[in-house]
mmCIF file of all heavy atoms, coordinates in Angstrom:
data_MODEL
# 
_entry.id   MODEL 
# 
loop_
_atom_site.group_PDB 
_atom_site.id 
_atom_site.type_symbol 
_atom_site.label_atom_id 
_atom_site.label_alt_id 
_atom_site.label_comp_id 
_atom_site.label_asym_id 
_atom_site.label_entity_id 
_atom_site.label_seq_id 
_atom_site.pdbx_PDB_ins_code 
_atom_site.Cartn_x 
_atom_site.Cartn_y 
_atom_site.Cartn_z 
_atom_site.occupancy 
_atom_site.B_iso_or_equiv 
_atom_site.pdbx_formal_charge 
_atom_site.auth_seq_id 
_atom_site.auth_comp_id 
_atom_site.auth_asym_id 
_atom_site.auth_atom_id 
_atom_site.pdbx_PDB_model_num 
ATOM 1   N N   . GLY A 1 1  ? -39.931 18.202 30.561 1.00 0.00 ? 1  GLY A N   1 
ATOM 2   C CA  . GLY A 1 1  ? -38.680 17.577 30.969 1.00 0.00 ? 1  GLY A CA  1 
ATOM 3   C C   . GLY A 1 1  ? -38.897 16.193 31.545 1.00 0.00 ? 1  GLY A C   1 
ATOM 4   O O   . GLY A 1 1  ? -38.071 15.697 32.311 1.00 0.00 ? 1  GLY A O   1 
ATOM 5   N N   . ARG A 1 2  ? -40.003 15.565 31.168 1.00 0.00 ? 2  ARG A N   1 
ATOM 6   C CA  . ARG A 1 2  ? -40.322 14.212 31.651 1.00 0.00 ? 2  ARG A CA  1 
ATOM 7   C C   . ARG A 1 2  ? -40.600 13.319 30.452 1.00 0.00 ? 2  ARG A C   1 
ATOM 8   O O   . ARG A 1 2  ? -40.943 13.804 29.371 1.00 0.00 ? 2  ARG A O   1 
ATOM 9   C CB  . ARG A 1 2  ? -41.568 14.235 32.541 1.00 0.00 ? 2  ARG A CB  1 
ATOM 10  C CG  . ARG A 1 2  ? -41.473 15.176 33.729 1.00 0.00 ? 2  ARG A CG  1 
ATOM 11  C CD  . ARG A 1 2  ? -42.812 15.195 34.475 1.00 0.00 ? 2  ARG A CD  1 
ATOM 12  N NE  . ARG A 1 2  ? -42.953 16.385 35.293 1.00 0.00 ? 2  ARG A NE  1 
ATOM 13  C CZ  . ARG A 1 2  ? -44.108 16.924 35.637 1.00 0.00 ? 2  ARG A CZ  1 
ATOM 14  N NH1 . ARG A 1 2  ? -45.235 16.386 35.195 1.00 0.00 ? 2  ARG A NH1 1 
ATOM 15  N NH2 . ARG A 1 2  ? -44.160 18.008 36.398 1.00 0.00 ? 2  ARG A NH2 1 
ATOM 16  N N   . PRO A 1 3  ? -40.482 11.997 30.639 1.00 0.00 ? 3  PRO A N   1 
ATOM 17  C CA  . PRO A 1 3  ? -40.697 11.099 29.492 1.00 0.00 ? 3  PRO A CA  1 
ATOM 18  C C   . PRO A 1 3  ? -42.139 11.047 29.016 1.00 0.00 ? 3  PRO A C   1 
ATOM 19  O O   . PRO A 1 3  ? -42.395 10.696 27.875 1.00 0.00 ? 3  PRO A O   1 
ATOM 20  C CB  . PRO A 1 3  ? -40.226 9.733  30.003 1.00 0.00 ? 3  PRO A CB  1 
ATOM 21  C CG  . PRO A 1 3  ? -40.271 9.837  31.500 1.00 0.00 ? 3  PRO A CG  1 
ATOM 22  C CD  . PRO A 1 3  ? -39.985 11.268 31.825 1.00 0.00 ? 3  PRO A CD  1 
ATOM 23  N N   . PHE A 1 4  ? -43.091 11.413 29.878 1.00 0.00 ? 4  PHE A N   1 
ATOM 24  C CA  . PHE A 1 4  ? -44.501 11.424 29.474 1.00 0.00 ? 4  PHE A CA  1 
ATOM 25  C C   . PHE A 1 4  ? -45.307 12.251 30.461 1.00 0.00 ? 4  PHE A C   1 
ATOM 26  O O   . PHE A 1 4  ? -44.822 12.590 31.553 1.00 0.00 ? 4  PHE A O   1 
ATOM 27  C CB  . PHE A 1 4  ? -45.080 9.990  29.374 1.00 0.00 ? 4  PHE A CB  1 
ATOM 28  C CG  . PHE A 1 4  ? -44.973 9.188  30.645 1.00 0.00 ? 4  PHE A CG  1 
ATOM 29  C CD1 . PHE A 1 4  ? -45.996 9.198  31.575 1.00 0.00 ? 4  PHE A CD1 1 
ATOM 30  C CD2 . PHE A 1 4  ? -43.846 8.421  30.903 1.00 0.00 ? 4  PHE A CD2 1 
ATOM 31  C CE1 . PHE A 1 4  ? -45.915 8.458  32.750 1.00 0.00 ? 4  PHE A CE1 1 
ATOM 32  C CE2 . PHE A 1 4  ? -43.737 7.676  32.081 1.00 0.00 ? 4  PHE A CE2 1 
ATOM 33  C CZ  . PHE A 1 4  ? -44.784 7.704  33.001 1.00 0.00 ? 4  PHE A CZ  1 
ATOM 34  N N   . ASP A 1 5  ? -46.518 12.561 30.070 1.00 0.00 ? 5  ASP A N   1 
ATOM 35  C CA  . ASP A 1 5  ? -47.455 13.339 30.892 1.00 0.00 ? 5  ASP A CA  1 
ATOM 36  C C   . ASP A 1 5  ? -48.248 12.347 31.742 1.00 0.00 ? 5  ASP A C   1 
ATOM 37  O O   . ASP A 1 5  ? -49.233 11.773 31.292 1.00 0.00 ? 5  ASP A O   1 
ATOM 38  C CB  . ASP A 1 5  ? -48.373 14.139 29.960 1.00 0.00 ? 5  ASP A CB  1 
ATOM 39  C CG  . ASP A 1 5  ? -49.464 14.904 30.694 1.00 0.00 ? 5  ASP A CG  1 
ATOM 40  O OD1 . ASP A 1 5  ? -49.376 15.063 31.921 1.00 0.00 ? 5  ASP A OD1 1 
ATOM 41  O OD2 . ASP A 1 5  ? -50.420 15.333 30.006 1.00 0.00 ? 5  ASP A OD2 1 
ATOM 42  N N   . ALA A 1 6  ? -47.803 12.128 32.971 1.00 0.00 ? 6  ALA A N   1 
ATOM 43  C CA  . ALA A 1 6  ? -48.369 11.076 33.820 1.00 0.00 ? 6  ALA A CA  1 
ATOM 44  C C   . ALA A 1 6  ? -49.866 11.283 34.022 1.00 0.00 ? 6  ALA A C   1 
ATOM 45  O O   . ALA A 1 6  ? -50.312 12.330 34.495 1.00 0.00 ? 6  ALA A O   1 
ATOM 46  C CB  . ALA A 1 6  ? -47.656 11.043 35.171 1.00 0.00 ? 6  ALA A CB  1 
ATOM 47  N N   . GLY A 1 7  ? -50.637 10.264 33.639 1.00 0.00 ? 7  GLY A N   1 
ATOM 48  C CA  . GLY A 1 7  ? -52.079 10.311 33.812 1.00 0.00 ? 7  GLY A CA  1 
ATOM 49  C C   . GLY A 1 7  ? -52.785 11.324 32.923 1.00 0.00 ? 7  GLY A C   1 
ATOM 50  O O   . GLY A 1 7  ? -53.992 11.509 33.039 1.00 0.00 ? 7  GLY A O   1 
ATOM 51  N N   . GLY A 1 8  ? -52.033 12.012 32.060 1.00 0.00 ? 8  GLY A N   1 
ATOM 52  C CA  . GLY A 1 8  ? -52.625 13.068 31.243 1.00 0.00 ? 8  GLY A CA  1 
ATOM 53  C C   . GLY A 1 8  ? -52.985 14.302 32.048 1.00 0.00 ? 8  GLY A C   1 
ATOM 54  O O   . GLY A 1 8  ? -53.789 15.135 31.593 1.00 0.00 ? 8  GLY A O   1 
ATOM 55  N N   . ALA A 1 9  ? -52.361 14.448 33.232 1.00 0.00 ? 9  ALA A N   1 
ATOM 56  C CA  . ALA A 1 9  ? -52.733 15.555 34.124 1.00 0.00 ? 9  ALA A CA  1 
ATOM 57  C C   . ALA A 1 9  ? -52.461 16.908 33.489 1.00 0.00 ? 9  ALA A C   1 
ATOM 58  O O   . ALA A 1 9  ? -53.248 17.853 33.651 1.00 0.00 ? 9  ALA A O   1 
ATOM 59  C CB  . ALA A 1 9  ? -51.975 15.423 35.448 1.00 0.00 ? 9  ALA A CB  1 
ATOM 60  N N   . TRP A 1 10 ? -51.338 17.026 32.777 1.00 0.00 ? 10 TRP A N   1 
ATOM 61  C CA  . TRP A 1 10 ? -51.009 18.308 32.149 1.00 0.00 ? 10 TRP A CA  1 
ATOM 62  C C   . TRP A 1 10 ? -51.986 18.604 31.012 1.00 0.00 ? 10 TRP A C   1 
ATOM 63  O O   . TRP A 1 10 ? -52.503 19.724 30.909 1.00 0.00 ? 10 TRP A O   1 
ATOM 64  C CB  . TRP A 1 10 ? -49.570 18.268 31.650 1.00 0.00 ? 10 TRP A CB  1 
ATOM 65  C CG  . TRP A 1 10 ? -49.043 19.581 31.164 1.00 0.00 ? 10 TRP A CG  1 
ATOM 66  C CD1 . TRP A 1 10 ? -49.187 20.797 31.762 1.00 0.00 ? 10 TRP A CD1 1 
ATOM 67  C CD2 . TRP A 1 10 ? -48.271 19.798 29.977 1.00 0.00 ? 10 TRP A CD2 1 
ATOM 68  N NE1 . TRP A 1 10 ? -48.550 21.769 31.019 1.00 0.00 ? 10 TRP A NE1 1 
ATOM 69  C CE2 . TRP A 1 10 ? -47.975 21.184 29.932 1.00 0.00 ? 10 TRP A CE2 1 
ATOM 70  C CE3 . TRP A 1 10 ? -47.790 18.965 28.976 1.00 0.00 ? 10 TRP A CE3 1 
ATOM 71  C CZ2 . TRP A 1 10 ? -47.219 21.744 28.893 1.00 0.00 ? 10 TRP A CZ2 1 
ATOM 72  C CZ3 . TRP A 1 10 ? -47.031 19.522 27.951 1.00 0.00 ? 10 TRP A CZ3 1 
ATOM 73  C CH2 . TRP A 1 10 ? -46.757 20.896 27.913 1.00 0.00 ? 10 TRP A CH2 1 
ATOM 74  N N   . ALA A 1 11 ? -52.275 17.614 30.174 1.00 0.00 ? 11 ALA A N   1 
ATOM 75  C CA  . ALA A 1 11 ? -53.225 17.824 29.072 1.00 0.00 ? 11 ALA A CA  1 
ATOM 76  C C   . ALA A 1 11 ? -54.592 18.251 29.596 1.00 0.00 ? 11 ALA A C   1 
ATOM 77  O O   . ALA A 1 11 ? -55.284 19.062 28.976 1.00 0.00 ? 11 ALA A O   1 
ATOM 78  C CB  . ALA A 1 11 ? -53.361 16.544 28.248 1.00 0.00 ? 11 ALA A CB  1 
ATOM 79  N N   . ALA A 1 12 ? -54.987 17.718 30.744 1.00 0.00 ? 12 ALA A N   1 
ATOM 80  C CA  . ALA A 1 12 ? -56.290 18.042 31.316 1.00 0.00 ? 12 ALA A CA  1 
ATOM 81  C C   . ALA A 1 12 ? -56.387 19.512 31.718 1.00 0.00 ? 12 ALA A C   1 
ATOM 82  O O   . ALA A 1 12 ? -57.494 20.063 31.825 1.00 0.00 ? 12 ALA A O   1 
ATOM 83  C CB  . ALA A 1 12 ? -56.571 17.154 32.518 1.00 0.00 ? 12 ALA A CB  1 
ATOM 84  N N   . GLU A 1 13 ? -55.251 20.165 31.927 1.00 0.00 ? 13 GLU A N   1 
ATOM 85  C CA  . GLU A 1 13 ? -55.244 21.578 32.308 1.00 0.00 ? 13 GLU A CA  1 
ATOM 86  C C   . GLU A 1 13 ? -55.389 22.509 31.103 1.00 0.00 ? 13 GLU A C   1 
ATOM 87  O O   . GLU A 1 13 ? -55.685 23.696 31.267 1.00 0.00 ? 13 GLU A O   1 
ATOM 88  C CB  . GLU A 1 13 ? -53.942 21.919 33.034 1.00 0.00 ? 13 GLU A CB  1 
ATOM 89  C CG  . GLU A 1 13 ? -53.764 21.205 34.369 1.00 0.00 ? 13 GLU A CG  1 
ATOM 90  C CD  . GLU A 1 13 ? -52.397 21.494 34.970 1.00 0.00 ? 13 GLU A CD  1 
ATOM 91  O OE1 . GLU A 1 13 ? -51.625 22.280 34.367 1.00 0.00 ? 13 GLU A OE1 1 
ATOM 92  O OE2 . GLU A 1 13 ? -52.094 20.932 36.041 1.00 0.00 ? 13 GLU A OE2 1 
ATOM 93  N N   . GLY A 1 14 ? -55.164 21.985 29.911 1.00 0.00 ? 14 GLY A N   1 
ATOM 94  C CA  . GLY A 1 14 ? -55.177 22.823 28.726 1.00 0.00 ? 14 GLY A CA  1 
ATOM 95  C C   . GLY A 1 14 ? -56.523 22.878 28.034 1.00 0.00 ? 14 GLY A C   1 
ATOM 96  O O   . GLY A 1 14 ? -57.481 22.203 28.433 1.00 0.00 ? 14 GLY A O   1 
ATOM 97  N N   . GLU A 1 15 ? -56.581 23.677 26.999 1.00 0.00 ? 15 GLU A N   1 
ATOM 98  C CA  . GLU A 1 15 ? -57.771 23.805 26.175 1.00 0.00 ? 15 GLU A CA  1 
ATOM 99  C C   . GLU A 1 15 ? -57.431 23.388 24.746 1.00 0.00 ? 15 GLU A C   1 
ATOM 100 O O   . GLU A 1 15 ? -56.364 23.737 24.222 1.00 0.00 ? 15 GLU A O   1 
ATOM 101 C CB  . GLU A 1 15 ? -58.287 25.245 26.190 1.00 0.00 ? 15 GLU A CB  1 
ATOM 102 C CG  . GLU A 1 15 ? -58.741 25.722 27.569 1.00 0.00 ? 15 GLU A CG  1 
ATOM 103 C CD  . GLU A 1 15 ? -59.274 27.145 27.540 1.00 0.00 ? 15 GLU A CD  1 
ATOM 104 O OE1 . GLU A 1 15 ? -59.335 27.725 26.424 1.00 0.00 ? 15 GLU A OE1 1 
ATOM 105 O OE2 . GLU A 1 15 ? -59.603 27.678 28.610 1.00 0.00 ? 15 GLU A OE2 1 
ATOM 106 N N   . VAL A 1 16 ? -58.347 22.672 24.127 1.00 0.00 ? 16 VAL A N   1 
ATOM 107 C CA  . VAL A 1 16 ? -58.125 22.225 22.751 1.00 0.00 ? 16 VAL A CA  1 
ATOM 108 C C   . VAL A 1 16 ? -58.145 23.435 21.826 1.00 0.00 ? 16 VAL A C   1 
ATOM 109 O O   . VAL A 1 16 ? -59.062 24.256 21.874 1.00 0.00 ? 16 VAL A O   1 
ATOM 110 C CB  . VAL A 1 16 ? -59.199 21.205 22.339 1.00 0.00 ? 16 VAL A CB  1 
ATOM 111 C CG1 . VAL A 1 16 ? -59.078 20.868 20.845 1.00 0.00 ? 16 VAL A CG1 1 
ATOM 112 C CG2 . VAL A 1 16 ? -59.091 19.946 23.186 1.00 0.00 ? 16 VAL A CG2 1 
ATOM 113 N N   . ASP A 1 17 ? -57.120 23.543 20.990 1.00 0.00 ? 17 ASP A N   1 
ATOM 114 C CA  . ASP A 1 17 ? -57.069 24.606 19.991 1.00 0.00 ? 17 ASP A CA  1 
ATOM 115 C C   . ASP A 1 17 ? -57.757 24.092 18.731 1.00 0.00 ? 17 ASP A C   1 
ATOM 116 O O   . ASP A 1 17 ? -57.263 23.179 18.054 1.00 0.00 ? 17 ASP A O   1 
ATOM 117 C CB  . ASP A 1 17 ? -55.617 24.988 19.692 1.00 0.00 ? 17 ASP A CB  1 
ATOM 118 C CG  . ASP A 1 17 ? -55.528 26.167 18.748 1.00 0.00 ? 17 ASP A CG  1 
ATOM 119 O OD1 . ASP A 1 17 ? -55.507 27.312 19.217 1.00 0.00 ? 17 ASP A OD1 1 
ATOM 120 O OD2 . ASP A 1 17 ? -55.501 25.930 17.511 1.00 0.00 ? 17 ASP A OD2 1 
ATOM 121 N N   . ALA A 1 18 ? -58.898 24.674 18.409 1.00 0.00 ? 18 ALA A N   1 
ATOM 122 C CA  . ALA A 1 18 ? -59.739 24.158 17.321 1.00 0.00 ? 18 ALA A CA  1 
ATOM 123 C C   . ALA A 1 18 ? -59.028 24.217 15.969 1.00 0.00 ? 18 ALA A C   1 
ATOM 124 O O   . ALA A 1 18 ? -59.142 23.296 15.155 1.00 0.00 ? 18 ALA A O   1 
ATOM 125 C CB  . ALA A 1 18 ? -61.053 24.933 17.260 1.00 0.00 ? 18 ALA A CB  1 
ATOM 126 N N   . LEU A 1 19 ? -58.281 25.287 15.717 1.00 0.00 ? 19 LEU A N   1 
ATOM 127 C CA  . LEU A 1 19 ? -57.603 25.426 14.427 1.00 0.00 ? 19 LEU A CA  1 
ATOM 128 C C   . LEU A 1 19 ? -56.488 24.392 14.288 1.00 0.00 ? 19 LEU A C   1 
ATOM 129 O O   . LEU A 1 19 ? -56.342 23.765 13.225 1.00 0.00 ? 19 LEU A O   1 
ATOM 130 C CB  . LEU A 1 19 ? -57.037 26.835 14.275 1.00 0.00 ? 19 LEU A CB  1 
ATOM 131 C CG  . LEU A 1 19 ? -56.264 27.091 12.973 1.00 0.00 ? 19 LEU A CG  1 
ATOM 132 C CD1 . LEU A 1 19 ? -57.129 26.802 11.749 1.00 0.00 ? 19 LEU A CD1 1 
ATOM 133 C CD2 . LEU A 1 19 ? -55.728 28.522 12.941 1.00 0.00 ? 19 LEU A CD2 1 
ATOM 134 N N   . LEU A 1 20 ? -55.714 24.201 15.342 1.00 0.00 ? 20 LEU A N   1 
ATOM 135 C CA  . LEU A 1 20 ? -54.647 23.199 15.282 1.00 0.00 ? 20 LEU A CA  1 
ATOM 136 C C   . LEU A 1 20 ? -55.232 21.807 15.083 1.00 0.00 ? 20 LEU A C   1 
ATOM 137 O O   . LEU A 1 20 ? -54.735 21.024 14.266 1.00 0.00 ? 20 LEU A O   1 
ATOM 138 C CB  . LEU A 1 20 ? -53.791 23.249 16.551 1.00 0.00 ? 20 LEU A CB  1 
ATOM 139 C CG  . LEU A 1 20 ? -52.694 22.182 16.641 1.00 0.00 ? 20 LEU A CG  1 
ATOM 140 C CD1 . LEU A 1 20 ? -51.727 22.274 15.459 1.00 0.00 ? 20 LEU A CD1 1 
ATOM 141 C CD2 . LEU A 1 20 ? -51.941 22.296 17.967 1.00 0.00 ? 20 LEU A CD2 1 
ATOM 142 N N   . LEU A 1 21 ? -56.309 21.494 15.817 1.00 0.00 ? 21 LEU A N   1 
ATOM 143 C CA  . LEU A 1 21 ? -56.938 20.183 15.661 1.00 0.00 ? 21 LEU A CA  1 
ATOM 144 C C   . LEU A 1 21 ? -57.434 20.003 14.233 1.00 0.00 ? 21 LEU A C   1 
ATOM 145 O O   . LEU A 1 21 ? -57.270 18.921 13.634 1.00 0.00 ? 21 LEU A O   1 
ATOM 146 C CB  . LEU A 1 21 ? -58.088 20.026 16.656 1.00 0.00 ? 21 LEU A CB  1 
ATOM 147 C CG  . LEU A 1 21 ? -58.799 18.672 16.637 1.00 0.00 ? 21 LEU A CG  1 
ATOM 148 C CD1 . LEU A 1 21 ? -57.841 17.538 16.978 1.00 0.00 ? 21 LEU A CD1 1 
ATOM 149 C CD2 . LEU A 1 21 ? -59.982 18.683 17.602 1.00 0.00 ? 21 LEU A CD2 1 
ATOM 150 N N   . GLU A 1 22 ? -58.022 21.039 13.668 1.00 0.00 ? 22 GLU A N   1 
ATOM 151 C CA  . GLU A 1 22 ? -58.519 20.955 12.289 1.00 0.00 ? 22 GLU A CA  1 
ATOM 152 C C   . GLU A 1 22 ? -57.371 20.681 11.315 1.00 0.00 ? 22 GLU A C   1 
ATOM 153 O O   . GLU A 1 22 ? -57.498 19.855 10.395 1.00 0.00 ? 22 GLU A O   1 
ATOM 154 C CB  . GLU A 1 22 ? -59.216 22.270 11.914 1.00 0.00 ? 22 GLU A CB  1 
ATOM 155 C CG  . GLU A 1 22 ? -59.759 22.300 10.497 1.00 0.00 ? 22 GLU A CG  1 
ATOM 156 C CD  . GLU A 1 22 ? -60.392 23.639 10.145 1.00 0.00 ? 22 GLU A CD  1 
ATOM 157 O OE1 . GLU A 1 22 ? -60.468 24.523 11.029 1.00 0.00 ? 22 GLU A OE1 1 
ATOM 158 O OE2 . GLU A 1 22 ? -60.799 23.811 8.975  1.00 0.00 ? 22 GLU A OE2 1 
ATOM 159 N N   . ARG A 1 23 ? -56.245 21.360 11.520 1.00 0.00 ? 23 ARG A N   1 
ATOM 160 C CA  . ARG A 1 23 ? -55.100 21.147 10.636 1.00 0.00 ? 23 ARG A CA  1 
ATOM 161 C C   . ARG A 1 23 ? -54.542 19.735 10.782 1.00 0.00 ? 23 ARG A C   1 
ATOM 162 O O   . ARG A 1 23 ? -54.167 19.095 9.792  1.00 0.00 ? 23 ARG A O   1 
ATOM 163 C CB  . ARG A 1 23 ? -54.010 22.175 10.948 1.00 0.00 ? 23 ARG A CB  1 
ATOM 164 C CG  . ARG A 1 23 ? -54.355 23.593 10.507 1.00 0.00 ? 23 ARG A CG  1 
ATOM 165 C CD  . ARG A 1 23 ? -53.231 24.559 10.871 1.00 0.00 ? 23 ARG A CD  1 
ATOM 166 N NE  . ARG A 1 23 ? -53.487 25.898 10.370 1.00 0.00 ? 23 ARG A NE  1 
ATOM 167 C CZ  . ARG A 1 23 ? -52.685 26.939 10.603 1.00 0.00 ? 23 ARG A CZ  1 
ATOM 168 N NH1 . ARG A 1 23 ? -51.570 26.765 11.323 1.00 0.00 ? 23 ARG A NH1 1 
ATOM 169 N NH2 . ARG A 1 23 ? -52.983 28.130 10.118 1.00 0.00 ? 23 ARG A NH2 1 
ATOM 170 N N   . LEU A 1 24 ? -54.482 19.246 11.995 1.00 0.00 ? 24 LEU A N   1 
ATOM 171 C CA  . LEU A 1 24 ? -53.974 17.889 12.221 1.00 0.00 ? 24 LEU A CA  1 
ATOM 172 C C   . LEU A 1 24 ? -54.896 16.852 11.592 1.00 0.00 ? 24 LEU A C   1 
ATOM 173 O O   . LEU A 1 24 ? -54.429 15.880 10.976 1.00 0.00 ? 24 LEU A O   1 
ATOM 174 C CB  . LEU A 1 24 ? -53.825 17.625 13.723 1.00 0.00 ? 24 LEU A CB  1 
ATOM 175 C CG  . LEU A 1 24 ? -52.800 18.488 14.470 1.00 0.00 ? 24 LEU A CG  1 
ATOM 176 C CD1 . LEU A 1 24 ? -52.858 18.221 15.965 1.00 0.00 ? 24 LEU A CD1 1 
ATOM 177 C CD2 . LEU A 1 24 ? -51.379 18.244 13.940 1.00 0.00 ? 24 LEU A CD2 1 
# 
């Protein structure tokens, strides 16, 4: 609900999904 993920703080909490990255 925000215009962006400030500082990438939210992304830093997640884990990279290898299959999704491969598809992208």
